[in-house]
Amino acid sequence: MRKAKELLINFIRGFCMALADSVPGVSGGTIAFLLGFYDRFIGSLDDLFHGKGPARVAALSFLVKLAFGWIVGFGLSAAALTSFFDSHIYEVSSLFMGFIVFAIPIVALEEKRVLKGRARNLAFAVLGAAFVVAVTLLNPTAGSGMSVAVEHLDLRLAVYVFFAAMVAITAMVLPGISGSTLLLIFGLYVPVMGAVRAVMSLDMAYLPVLVVFAAGVATGVLVFVRLIRRCLERFRSQTVYAVLGMMAGSLYSIAQGPLTLAVPQPAMELATFSPLYFVAGGLVVGGLQLMRRRLEDPADAAGAAPETKSPACEPNRQPDLP
């Protein structure tokens, strides 16, 4: 019974992360942070590549269950939801804005122990917000509908796709900054989503680009996840402030989202903002919190895989700088 419950919990988590990862402006890392398993997620990714024995086995078990829901969610998004986003972009953008606005105070309350009395670390929140806004402003294809053609993969294109995937996966695991937005900047969001749809339709001509993309993702995880974990362990206050800043900065990214469609639309403004969907986004946050309390696994509190903790996780932890 416990194993079935754990499978269901992690399926739902992975599914929700995938829906967020597939939409420019929203991060799967935000979902993981909001649902209370972000530390465990990052710790498990690190243990998968750098852990030993039981830690690696436990990490693999957790991530496979999470990946099952993620694959289903991403496949559903690629097959059906992207067309809905295109036709109802302002409603969807309003919903995600509500999601972020209501999520920020929840994350702050849950991390109040490391935030309280460290007002000087607000500078990291400003830097986090500025980083996300800068990434959004750097998008050279916004408003042009431009993208990279991936039908015929050569060495130069393969290197480009590999590098873009490595950078994008880093954003996908960071709360607040969207990996899909970075793919848009690289001109790869529409081609990658199209390649996923094609392979799901058994058109294997697009399989090579997805293999290269997957290799870039794996490399990005290998290189960057340990750094993120160390920041959470040793400089948690600064890291959480930066995360909150990135979440706030993502509001600008979401507002600019319509510019990144294959057929660009004007950026969202007051006239196209939907208060109803904004409130619905807040209700989604409330629903996720209720679901978290009903389904929460005690292992998440440890910030590691369920059966064991990595020996690197706690003994070397240093207090946050004031």
C-alpha atoms as a PDB file:
ATOM      1  CA  MET A   1       0.000   0.000   0.000  1.00  0.00           C
ATOM      2  CA  ARG A   2       2.822   2.415   0.885  1.00  0.00           C
ATOM      3  CA  LYS A   3       4.607   1.697  -2.403  1.00  0.00           C
ATOM      4  CA  ALA A   4       1.418   2.328  -4.381  1.00  0.00           C
ATOM      5  CA  LYS A   5       0.881   5.622  -2.541  1.00  0.00           C
ATOM      6  CA  GLU A   6       4.469   6.701  -3.169  1.00  0.00           C
ATOM      7  CA  LEU A   7       4.115   5.854  -6.867  1.00  0.00           C
ATOM      8  CA  LEU A   8       0.929   7.947  -7.092  1.00  0.00           C
ATOM      9  CA  ILE A   9       2.504  10.883  -5.247  1.00  0.00           C
ATOM     10  CA  ASN A  10       5.537  10.976  -7.500  1.00  0.00           C
ATOM     11  CA  PHE A  11       3.477  10.454 -10.661  1.00  0.00           C
ATOM     12  CA  ILE A  12       1.392  13.537  -9.799  1.00  0.00           C
ATOM     13  CA  ARG A  13       4.526  15.518  -8.941  1.00  0.00           C
ATOM     14  CA  GLY A  14       6.245  14.610 -12.197  1.00  0.00           C
ATOM     15  CA  PHE A  15       3.073  15.274 -14.180  1.00  0.00           C
ATOM     16  CA  CYS A  16       2.703  18.778 -12.698  1.00  0.00           C
ATOM     17  CA  MET A  17       6.392  19.543 -13.248  1.00  0.00           C
ATOM     18  CA  ALA A  18       6.108  18.535 -16.912  1.00  0.00           C
ATOM     19  CA  LEU A  19       3.123  20.783 -17.539  1.00  0.00           C
ATOM     20  CA  ALA A  20       5.113  23.693 -16.098  1.00  0.00           C
ATOM     21  CA  ASP A  21       8.329  22.810 -17.947  1.00  0.00           C
ATOM     22  CA  SER A  22       6.513  22.699 -21.286  1.00  0.00           C
ATOM     23  CA  VAL A  23       5.213  26.275 -20.996  1.00  0.00           C
ATOM     24  CA  PRO A  24       7.480  29.308 -21.553  1.00  0.00           C
ATOM     25  CA  GLY A  25       7.652  31.483 -18.442  1.00  0.00           C
ATOM     26  CA  VAL A  26       6.975  28.717 -15.901  1.00  0.00           C
ATOM     27  CA  SER A  27       9.467  26.375 -14.222  1.00  0.00           C
ATOM     28  CA  GLY A  28       9.086  22.793 -13.075  1.00  0.00           C
ATOM     29  CA  GLY A  29      11.454  23.717 -10.269  1.00  0.00           C
ATOM     30  CA  THR A  30       8.809  26.123  -8.967  1.00  0.00           C
ATOM     31  CA  ILE A  31       6.337  23.227  -8.772  1.00  0.00           C
ATOM     32  CA  ALA A  32       8.869  21.083  -6.900  1.00  0.00           C
ATOM     33  CA  PHE A  33       9.574  23.917  -4.457  1.00  0.00           C
ATOM     34  CA  LEU A  34       5.881  24.577  -3.918  1.00  0.00           C
ATOM     35  CA  LEU A  35       5.052  20.910  -3.370  1.00  0.00           C
ATOM     36  CA  GLY A  36       7.860  20.588  -0.842  1.00  0.00           C
ATOM     37  CA  PHE A  37      10.166  18.078  -2.524  1.00  0.00           C
ATOM     38  CA  TYR A  38      12.692  20.366  -4.211  1.00  0.00           C
ATOM     39  CA  ASP A  39      15.576  19.480  -1.855  1.00  0.00           C
ATOM     40  CA  ARG A  40      14.870  15.798  -2.304  1.00  0.00           C
ATOM     41  CA  PHE A  41      14.649  16.229  -6.083  1.00  0.00           C
ATOM     42  CA  ILE A  42      18.006  18.022  -6.317  1.00  0.00           C
ATOM     43  CA  GLY A  43      19.624  15.645  -3.819  1.00  0.00           C
ATOM     44  CA  SER A  44      18.425  12.619  -5.776  1.00  0.00           C
ATOM     45  CA  LEU A  45      19.717  14.013  -9.077  1.00  0.00           C
ATOM     46  CA  ASP A  46      23.100  14.605  -7.465  1.00  0.00           C
ATOM     47  CA  ASP A  47      23.171  11.160  -5.831  1.00  0.00           C
ATOM     48  CA  LEU A  48      22.297   9.504  -9.141  1.00  0.00           C
ATOM     49  CA  PHE A  49      25.561  10.725 -10.670  1.00  0.00           C
ATOM     50  CA  HIS A  50      27.802  11.188  -7.633  1.00  0.00           C
ATOM     51  CA  GLY A  51      26.315   8.979  -4.919  1.00  0.00           C
ATOM     52  CA  LYS A  52      27.441   5.508  -3.950  1.00  0.00           C
ATOM     53  CA  GLY A  53      25.649   2.261  -3.150  1.00  0.00           C
ATOM     54  CA  PRO A  54      22.313   2.674  -1.352  1.00  0.00           C
ATOM     55  CA  ALA A  55      22.173   6.437  -1.983  1.00  0.00           C
ATOM     56  CA  ARG A  56      22.366   5.922  -5.750  1.00  0.00           C
ATOM     57  CA  VAL A  57      19.802   3.100  -5.712  1.00  0.00           C
ATOM     58  CA  ALA A  58      17.363   5.162  -3.635  1.00  0.00           C
ATOM     59  CA  ALA A  59      17.840   8.177  -5.904  1.00  0.00           C
ATOM     60  CA  LEU A  60      17.195   6.085  -9.015  1.00  0.00           C
ATOM     61  CA  SER A  61      14.026   4.631  -7.494  1.00  0.00           C
ATOM     62  CA  PHE A  62      12.655   8.081  -6.662  1.00  0.00           C
ATOM     63  CA  LEU A  63      13.570   9.669  -9.997  1.00  0.00           C
ATOM     64  CA  VAL A  64      12.138   6.820 -12.087  1.00  0.00           C
ATOM     65  CA  LYS A  65       8.768   7.256 -10.364  1.00  0.00           C
ATOM     66  CA  LEU A  66       8.954  11.007 -10.892  1.00  0.00           C
ATOM     67  CA  ALA A  67      10.004  10.573 -14.527  1.00  0.00           C
ATOM     68  CA  PHE A  68       6.988   8.368 -15.260  1.00  0.00           C
ATOM     69  CA  GLY A  69       4.606  11.216 -14.444  1.00  0.00           C
ATOM     70  CA  TRP A  70       6.853  13.744 -16.181  1.00  0.00           C
ATOM     71  CA  ILE A  71       6.895  11.792 -19.447  1.00  0.00           C
ATOM     72  CA  VAL A  72       3.108  11.406 -19.441  1.00  0.00           C
ATOM     73  CA  GLY A  73       2.604  15.094 -18.635  1.00  0.00           C
ATOM     74  CA  PHE A  74       5.081  16.328 -21.229  1.00  0.00           C
ATOM     75  CA  GLY A  75       3.673  14.013 -23.881  1.00  0.00           C
ATOM     76  CA  LEU A  76       0.164  15.276 -23.188  1.00  0.00           C
ATOM     77  CA  SER A  77       1.366  18.862 -23.360  1.00  0.00           C
ATOM     78  CA  ALA A  78       3.227  18.327 -26.631  1.00  0.00           C
ATOM     79  CA  ALA A  79       0.300  16.479 -28.201  1.00  0.00           C
ATOM     80  CA  ALA A  80      -2.618  18.643 -27.115  1.00  0.00           C
ATOM     81  CA  LEU A  81      -1.994  21.536 -24.760  1.00  0.00           C
ATOM     82  CA  THR A  82       0.366  23.582 -26.941  1.00  0.00           C
ATOM     83  CA  SER A  83      -2.446  24.331 -29.406  1.00  0.00           C
ATOM     84  CA  PHE A  84      -4.620  25.412 -26.464  1.00  0.00           C
ATOM     85  CA  PHE A  85      -1.857  27.713 -25.255  1.00  0.00           C
ATOM     86  CA  ASP A  86      -1.622  29.260 -28.726  1.00  0.00           C
ATOM     87  CA  SER A  87      -5.355  29.976 -28.938  1.00  0.00           C
ATOM     88  CA  HIS A  88      -5.845  31.079 -25.303  1.00  0.00           C
ATOM     89  CA  ILE A  89      -2.445  32.549 -24.487  1.00  0.00           C
ATOM     90  CA  TYR A  90      -3.730  35.503 -22.447  1.00  0.00           C
ATOM     91  CA  GLU A  91      -5.965  33.353 -20.265  1.00  0.00           C
ATOM     92  CA  VAL A  92      -3.133  30.873 -19.705  1.00  0.00           C
ATOM     93  CA  SER A  93      -0.658  33.679 -18.966  1.00  0.00           C
ATOM     94  CA  SER A  94      -3.086  35.198 -16.443  1.00  0.00           C
ATOM     95  CA  LEU A  95      -3.484  31.800 -14.781  1.00  0.00           C
ATOM     96  CA  PHE A  96       0.271  31.345 -14.437  1.00  0.00           C
ATOM     97  CA  MET A  97       0.642  34.875 -13.087  1.00  0.00           C
ATOM     98  CA  GLY A  98      -1.888  34.042 -10.390  1.00  0.00           C
ATOM     99  CA  PHE A  99      -0.008  30.827  -9.709  1.00  0.00           C
ATOM    100  CA  ILE A 100       3.285  32.657  -9.174  1.00  0.00           C
ATOM    101  CA  VAL A 101       1.831  35.548  -7.138  1.00  0.00           C
ATOM    102  CA  PHE A 102       0.093  33.191  -4.710  1.00  0.00           C
ATOM    103  CA  ALA A 103       3.055  30.794  -4.596  1.00  0.00           C
ATOM    104  CA  ILE A 104       5.650  33.386  -3.538  1.00  0.00           C
ATOM    105  CA  PRO A 105       4.253  34.004  -0.006  1.00  0.00           C
ATOM    106  CA  ILE A 106       3.805  30.266   0.538  1.00  0.00           C
ATOM    107  CA  VAL A 107       7.453  29.575  -0.269  1.00  0.00           C
ATOM    108  CA  ALA A 108       8.512  32.530   1.909  1.00  0.00           C
ATOM    109  CA  LEU A 109       6.472  31.251   4.872  1.00  0.00           C
ATOM    110  CA  GLU A 110       7.848  27.739   4.546  1.00  0.00           C
ATOM    111  CA  GLU A 111      11.407  29.063   4.442  1.00  0.00           C
ATOM    112  CA  LYS A 112      10.916  31.782   7.081  1.00  0.00           C
ATOM    113  CA  ARG A 113      13.509  30.169   9.355  1.00  0.00           C
ATOM    114  CA  VAL A 114      16.309  30.981   6.887  1.00  0.00           C
ATOM    115  CA  LEU A 115      14.818  34.284   5.692  1.00  0.00           C
ATOM    116  CA  LYS A 116      14.037  35.941   9.033  1.00  0.00           C
ATOM    117  CA  GLY A 117      16.663  38.379  10.256  1.00  0.00           C
ATOM    118  CA  ARG A 118      18.671  38.247   7.020  1.00  0.00           C
ATOM    119  CA  ALA A 119      17.319  41.317   5.232  1.00  0.00           C
ATOM    120  CA  ARG A 120      20.722  42.011   3.697  1.00  0.00           C
ATOM    121  CA  ASN A 121      20.183  38.926   1.545  1.00  0.00           C
ATOM    122  CA  LEU A 122      17.350  40.762  -0.244  1.00  0.00           C
ATOM    123  CA  ALA A 123      20.082  41.738  -2.689  1.00  0.00           C
ATOM    124  CA  PHE A 124      20.028  38.138  -3.922  1.00  0.00           C
ATOM    125  CA  ALA A 125      16.290  38.450  -4.610  1.00  0.00           C
ATOM    126  CA  VAL A 126      16.961  41.548  -6.705  1.00  0.00           C
ATOM    127  CA  LEU A 127      19.701  39.709  -8.595  1.00  0.00           C
ATOM    128  CA  GLY A 128      17.408  36.717  -9.159  1.00  0.00           C
ATOM    129  CA  ALA A 129      14.622  38.894 -10.556  1.00  0.00           C
ATOM    130  CA  ALA A 130      17.064  40.847 -12.736  1.00  0.00           C
ATOM    131  CA  PHE A 131      18.511  37.611 -14.115  1.00  0.00           C
ATOM    132  CA  VAL A 132      15.119  36.304 -15.268  1.00  0.00           C
ATOM    133  CA  VAL A 133      14.148  39.654 -16.795  1.00  0.00           C
ATOM    134  CA  ALA A 134      17.513  39.834 -18.591  1.00  0.00           C
ATOM    135  CA  VAL A 135      17.078  36.322 -19.999  1.00  0.00           C
ATOM    136  CA  THR A 136      13.648  37.320 -21.311  1.00  0.00           C
ATOM    137  CA  LEU A 137      14.939  40.552 -22.858  1.00  0.00           C
ATOM    138  CA  LEU A 138      17.796  38.707 -24.572  1.00  0.00           C
ATOM    139  CA  ASN A 139      15.379  36.611 -26.657  1.00  0.00           C
ATOM    140  CA  PRO A 140      16.278  37.616 -30.248  1.00  0.00           C
ATOM    141  CA  THR A 141      13.343  35.703 -31.775  1.00  0.00           C
ATOM    142  CA  ALA A 142      10.556  37.285 -29.688  1.00  0.00           C
ATOM    143  CA  GLY A 143       7.897  38.714 -31.971  1.00  0.00           C
ATOM    144  CA  SER A 144       9.407  37.172 -35.096  1.00  0.00           C
ATOM    145  CA  GLY A 145       8.147  33.603 -34.903  1.00  0.00           C
ATOM    146  CA  MET A 146      11.663  32.488 -35.840  1.00  0.00           C
ATOM    147  CA  SER A 147      13.010  29.064 -34.906  1.00  0.00           C
ATOM    148  CA  VAL A 148      15.831  26.701 -35.832  1.00  0.00           C
ATOM    149  CA  ALA A 149      15.185  23.997 -38.442  1.00  0.00           C
ATOM    150  CA  VAL A 150      16.125  20.575 -37.031  1.00  0.00           C
ATOM    151  CA  GLU A 151      14.836  18.269 -39.759  1.00  0.00           C
ATOM    152  CA  HIS A 152      18.365  17.547 -41.022  1.00  0.00           C
ATOM    153  CA  LEU A 153      20.873  17.198 -38.200  1.00  0.00           C
ATOM    154  CA  ASP A 154      24.515  17.937 -38.978  1.00  0.00           C
ATOM    155  CA  LEU A 155      27.484  18.239 -36.618  1.00  0.00           C
ATOM    156  CA  ARG A 156      27.186  21.999 -36.172  1.00  0.00           C
ATOM    157  CA  LEU A 157      23.476  21.814 -35.399  1.00  0.00           C
ATOM    158  CA  ALA A 158      24.025  18.837 -33.083  1.00  0.00           C
ATOM    159  CA  VAL A 159      26.549  20.837 -31.022  1.00  0.00           C
ATOM    160  CA  TYR A 160      24.116  23.765 -30.879  1.00  0.00           C
ATOM    161  CA  VAL A 161      21.205  21.570 -29.739  1.00  0.00           C
ATOM    162  CA  PHE A 162      23.427  19.827 -27.177  1.00  0.00           C
ATOM    163  CA  PHE A 163      24.565  23.142 -25.651  1.00  0.00           C
ATOM    164  CA  ALA A 164      21.042  24.600 -25.622  1.00  0.00           C
ATOM    165  CA  ALA A 165      19.673  21.502 -23.878  1.00  0.00           C
ATOM    166  CA  MET A 166      22.449  21.622 -21.279  1.00  0.00           C
ATOM    167  CA  VAL A 167      21.593  25.240 -20.431  1.00  0.00           C
ATOM    168  CA  ALA A 168      17.819  24.727 -20.557  1.00  0.00           C
ATOM    169  CA  ILE A 169      17.783  21.793 -18.119  1.00  0.00           C
ATOM    170  CA  THR A 170      19.653  23.936 -15.609  1.00  0.00           C
ATOM    171  CA  ALA A 171      16.833  26.470 -15.828  1.00  0.00           C
ATOM    172  CA  MET A 172      14.167  23.775 -15.607  1.00  0.00           C
ATOM    173  CA  VAL A 173      15.439  22.615 -12.210  1.00  0.00           C
ATOM    174  CA  LEU A 174      15.747  26.188 -10.890  1.00  0.00           C
ATOM    175  CA  PRO A 175      12.541  27.657  -9.461  1.00  0.00           C
ATOM    176  CA  GLY A 176      11.507  30.832 -11.228  1.00  0.00           C
ATOM    177  CA  ILE A 177      13.391  30.642 -14.525  1.00  0.00           C
ATOM    178  CA  SER A 178      11.822  28.693 -17.368  1.00  0.00           C
ATOM    179  CA  GLY A 179      13.801  26.208 -19.427  1.00  0.00           C
ATOM    180  CA  SER A 180      11.231  26.628 -22.187  1.00  0.00           C
ATOM    181  CA  THR A 181      11.965  30.359 -22.265  1.00  0.00           C
ATOM    182  CA  LEU A 182      15.652  29.602 -22.778  1.00  0.00           C
ATOM    183  CA  LEU A 183      14.760  27.199 -25.583  1.00  0.00           C
ATOM    184  CA  LEU A 184      12.804  30.043 -27.167  1.00  0.00           C
ATOM    185  CA  ILE A 185      15.892  32.241 -26.926  1.00  0.00           C
ATOM    186  CA  PHE A 186      17.869  29.540 -28.718  1.00  0.00           C
ATOM    187  CA  GLY A 187      15.068  29.200 -31.295  1.00  0.00           C
ATOM    188  CA  LEU A 188      14.502  25.570 -30.332  1.00  0.00           C
ATOM    189  CA  TYR A 189      11.228  25.539 -28.387  1.00  0.00           C
ATOM    190  CA  VAL A 190       8.898  25.026 -31.364  1.00  0.00           C
ATOM    191  CA  PRO A 191      11.262  22.558 -33.144  1.00  0.00           C
ATOM    192  CA  VAL A 192      11.753  20.425 -30.016  1.00  0.00           C
ATOM    193  CA  MET A 193       8.035  20.307 -29.228  1.00  0.00           C
ATOM    194  CA  GLY A 194       7.374  19.480 -32.879  1.00  0.00           C
ATOM    195  CA  ALA A 195      10.005  16.729 -32.799  1.00  0.00           C
ATOM    196  CA  VAL A 196       8.368  15.213 -29.710  1.00  0.00           C
ATOM    197  CA  ARG A 197       4.986  15.205 -31.460  1.00  0.00           C
ATOM    198  CA  ALA A 198       6.532  13.673 -34.595  1.00  0.00           C
ATOM    199  CA  VAL A 199       8.240  10.844 -32.706  1.00  0.00           C
ATOM    200  CA  MET A 200       5.024  10.174 -30.779  1.00  0.00           C
ATOM    201  CA  SER A 201       3.415   9.765 -34.217  1.00  0.00           C
ATOM    202  CA  LEU A 202       6.196   7.265 -35.082  1.00  0.00           C
ATOM    203  CA  ASP A 203       8.015   9.664 -37.409  1.00  0.00           C
ATOM    204  CA  MET A 204      11.556   8.589 -36.539  1.00  0.00           C
ATOM    205  CA  ALA A 205      13.190  11.226 -38.749  1.00  0.00           C
ATOM    206  CA  TYR A 206      13.199  13.526 -35.710  1.00  0.00           C
ATOM    207  CA  LEU A 207      14.620  10.945 -33.299  1.00  0.00           C
ATOM    208  CA  PRO A 208      18.303  11.952 -33.771  1.00  0.00           C
ATOM    209  CA  VAL A 209      17.700  15.530 -32.603  1.00  0.00           C
ATOM    210  CA  LEU A 210      15.866  14.253 -29.518  1.00  0.00           C
ATOM    211  CA  VAL A 211      18.752  11.885 -28.724  1.00  0.00           C
ATOM    212  CA  VAL A 212      21.231  14.776 -28.918  1.00  0.00           C
ATOM    213  CA  PHE A 213      18.893  16.921 -26.822  1.00  0.00           C
ATOM    214  CA  ALA A 214      18.633  14.175 -24.184  1.00  0.00           C
ATOM    215  CA  ALA A 215      22.436  13.895 -24.065  1.00  0.00           C
ATOM    216  CA  GLY A 216      22.654  17.642 -23.435  1.00  0.00           C
ATOM    217  CA  VAL A 217      20.086  17.361 -20.656  1.00  0.00           C
ATOM    218  CA  ALA A 218      22.053  14.570 -18.958  1.00  0.00           C
ATOM    219  CA  THR A 219      25.267  16.579 -19.192  1.00  0.00           C
ATOM    220  CA  GLY A 220      23.592  19.670 -17.746  1.00  0.00           C
ATOM    221  CA  VAL A 221      22.322  17.678 -14.791  1.00  0.00           C
ATOM    222  CA  LEU A 222      25.759  16.157 -14.239  1.00  0.00           C
ATOM    223  CA  VAL A 223      27.532  19.520 -14.316  1.00  0.00           C
ATOM    224  CA  PHE A 224      25.145  21.912 -12.560  1.00  0.00           C
ATOM    225  CA  VAL A 225      22.977  19.994 -10.089  1.00  0.00           C
ATOM    226  CA  ARG A 226      25.770  19.465  -7.565  1.00  0.00           C
ATOM    227  CA  LEU A 227      26.378  23.221  -7.502  1.00  0.00           C
ATOM    228  CA  ILE A 228      22.684  23.886  -6.828  1.00  0.00           C
ATOM    229  CA  ARG A 229      22.682  21.309  -4.033  1.00  0.00           C
ATOM    230  CA  ARG A 230      25.737  22.828  -2.397  1.00  0.00           C
ATOM    231  CA  CYS A 231      24.132  26.283  -2.525  1.00  0.00           C
ATOM    232  CA  LEU A 232      21.021  24.944  -0.790  1.00  0.00           C
ATOM    233  CA  GLU A 233      23.093  23.204   1.873  1.00  0.00           C
ATOM    234  CA  ARG A 234      25.623  25.917   2.647  1.00  0.00           C
ATOM    235  CA  PHE A 235      23.976  29.177   1.604  1.00  0.00           C
ATOM    236  CA  ARG A 236      20.293  28.395   1.930  1.00  0.00           C
ATOM    237  CA  SER A 237      19.155  31.889   2.912  1.00  0.00           C
ATOM    238  CA  GLN A 238      20.851  33.525  -0.054  1.00  0.00           C
ATOM    239  CA  THR A 239      19.626  30.781  -2.383  1.00  0.00           C
ATOM    240  CA  VAL A 240      16.005  31.007  -1.222  1.00  0.00           C
ATOM    241  CA  TYR A 241      16.049  34.790  -1.577  1.00  0.00           C
ATOM    242  CA  ALA A 242      17.387  34.350  -5.121  1.00  0.00           C
ATOM    243  CA  VAL A 243      14.667  31.781  -5.859  1.00  0.00           C
ATOM    244  CA  LEU A 244      11.960  34.174  -4.650  1.00  0.00           C
ATOM    245  CA  GLY A 245      13.458  36.881  -6.837  1.00  0.00           C
ATOM    246  CA  MET A 246      13.461  34.595  -9.865  1.00  0.00           C
ATOM    247  CA  MET A 247       9.829  33.700  -9.204  1.00  0.00           C
ATOM    248  CA  ALA A 248       8.939  37.404  -9.079  1.00  0.00           C
ATOM    249  CA  GLY A 249      10.958  38.073 -12.231  1.00  0.00           C
ATOM    250  CA  SER A 250       9.125  35.302 -14.048  1.00  0.00           C
ATOM    251  CA  LEU A 251       5.978  37.479 -13.958  1.00  0.00           C
ATOM    252  CA  TYR A 252       7.633  39.668 -16.594  1.00  0.00           C
ATOM    253  CA  SER A 253       8.604  36.597 -18.590  1.00  0.00           C
ATOM    254  CA  ILE A 254       5.014  35.327 -18.507  1.00  0.00           C
ATOM    255  CA  ALA A 255       3.668  38.718 -19.623  1.00  0.00           C
ATOM    256  CA  GLN A 256       6.034  38.627 -22.604  1.00  0.00           C
ATOM    257  CA  GLY A 257       5.108  35.022 -23.416  1.00  0.00           C
ATOM    258  CA  PRO A 258       2.658  35.828 -26.262  1.00  0.00           C
ATOM    259  CA  LEU A 259       5.563  37.353 -28.220  1.00  0.00           C
ATOM    260  CA  THR A 260       7.248  33.938 -28.355  1.00  0.00           C
ATOM    261  CA  LEU A 261       4.467  32.023 -30.101  1.00  0.00           C
ATOM    262  CA  ALA A 262       4.974  30.606 -33.596  1.00  0.00           C
ATOM    263  CA  VAL A 263       2.440  33.274 -34.643  1.00  0.00           C
ATOM    264  CA  PRO A 264       3.440  36.080 -32.254  1.00  0.00           C
ATOM    265  CA  GLN A 265       0.795  37.995 -30.308  1.00  0.00           C
ATOM    266  CA  PRO A 266       1.221  41.308 -28.442  1.00  0.00           C
ATOM    267  CA  ALA A 267       2.604  41.090 -24.919  1.00  0.00           C
ATOM    268  CA  MET A 268      -0.052  40.830 -22.236  1.00  0.00           C
ATOM    269  CA  GLU A 269      -1.335  44.140 -20.887  1.00  0.00           C
ATOM    270  CA  LEU A 270      -4.171  45.232 -18.627  1.00  0.00           C
ATOM    271  CA  ALA A 271      -6.742  44.960 -21.424  1.00  0.00           C
ATOM    272  CA  THR A 272      -5.861  41.310 -22.137  1.00  0.00           C
ATOM    273  CA  PHE A 273      -5.284  40.312 -18.504  1.00  0.00           C
ATOM    274  CA  SER A 274      -7.956  37.934 -17.141  1.00  0.00           C
ATOM    275  CA  PRO A 275      -8.749  38.391 -13.414  1.00  0.00           C
ATOM    276  CA  LEU A 276     -10.812  35.198 -13.480  1.00  0.00           C
ATOM    277  CA  TYR A 277      -7.902  33.065 -14.645  1.00  0.00           C
ATOM    278  CA  PHE A 278      -5.577  34.914 -12.260  1.00  0.00           C
ATOM    279  CA  VAL A 279      -7.757  33.843  -9.334  1.00  0.00           C
ATOM    280  CA  ALA A 280      -7.912  30.344 -10.819  1.00  0.00           C
ATOM    281  CA  GLY A 281      -4.109  30.256 -10.666  1.00  0.00           C
ATOM    282  CA  GLY A 282      -4.313  31.028  -6.957  1.00  0.00           C
ATOM    283  CA  LEU A 283      -6.849  28.240  -6.513  1.00  0.00           C
ATOM    284  CA  VAL A 284      -4.442  25.856  -8.249  1.00  0.00           C
ATOM    285  CA  VAL A 285      -1.787  26.802  -5.680  1.00  0.00           C
ATOM    286  CA  GLY A 286      -4.263  26.152  -2.869  1.00  0.00           C
ATOM    287  CA  GLY A 287      -5.200  22.819  -4.400  1.00  0.00           C
ATOM    288  CA  LEU A 288      -1.552  21.806  -4.684  1.00  0.00           C
ATOM    289  CA  GLN A 289      -1.020  22.684  -1.024  1.00  0.00           C
ATOM    290  CA  LEU A 290      -3.993  20.548   0.011  1.00  0.00           C
ATOM    291  CA  MET A 291      -2.721  17.719  -2.152  1.00  0.00           C
ATOM    292  CA  ARG A 292       0.723  18.087  -0.614  1.00  0.00           C
ATOM    293  CA  ARG A 293      -0.634  17.760   2.932  1.00  0.00           C
ATOM    294  CA  ARG A 294      -2.693  14.702   2.030  1.00  0.00           C
ATOM    295  CA  LEU A 295      -0.010  12.917   0.060  1.00  0.00           C
ATOM    296  CA  GLU A 296       3.237  14.212   1.548  1.00  0.00           C
ATOM    297  CA  ASP A 297       5.924  11.603   2.084  1.00  0.00           C
ATOM    298  CA  PRO A 298       7.910  12.047   5.346  1.00  0.00           C
ATOM    299  CA  ALA A 299      11.086  11.301   3.400  1.00  0.00           C
ATOM    300  CA  ASP A 300      10.821  14.689   1.704  1.00  0.00           C
ATOM    301  CA  ALA A 301      11.566  16.464   4.960  1.00  0.00           C
ATOM    302  CA  ALA A 302      15.025  14.937   4.862  1.00  0.00           C
ATOM    303  CA  GLY A 303      15.737  16.438   1.451  1.00  0.00           C
ATOM    304  CA  ALA A 304      17.113  13.142   0.182  1.00  0.00           C
ATOM    305  CA  ALA A 305      15.989   9.880  -1.321  1.00  0.00           C
ATOM    306  CA  PRO A 306      13.503   7.853   0.721  1.00  0.00           C
ATOM    307  CA  GLU A 307      15.582   5.021   2.070  1.00  0.00           C
ATOM    308  CA  THR A 308      18.819   6.807   2.819  1.00  0.00           C
ATOM    309  CA  LYS A 309      20.559  10.139   2.833  1.00  0.00           C
ATOM    310  CA  SER A 310      23.667  10.893   0.932  1.00  0.00           C
ATOM    311  CA  PRO A 311      26.700  11.099   3.182  1.00  0.00           C
ATOM    312  CA  ALA A 312      27.499  14.370   1.433  1.00  0.00           C
ATOM    313  CA  CYS A 313      24.203  15.960   2.387  1.00  0.00           C
ATOM    314  CA  GLU A 314      24.374  16.876   6.071  1.00  0.00           C
ATOM    315  CA  PRO A 315      27.777  16.410   7.708  1.00  0.00           C
ATOM    316  CA  ASN A 316      29.383  19.151   5.618  1.00  0.00           C
ATOM    317  CA  ARG A 317      26.506  21.598   5.973  1.00  0.00           C
ATOM    318  CA  GLN A 318      27.626  25.044   7.029  1.00  0.00           C
ATOM    319  CA  PRO A 319      25.351  27.734   8.479  1.00  0.00           C
ATOM    320  CA  ASP A 320      23.975  30.411   6.181  1.00  0.00           C
ATOM    321  CA  LEU A 321      25.946  33.597   6.137  1.00  0.00           C
ATOM    322  CA  PRO A 322      24.113  36.334   8.055  1.00  0.00           C
END
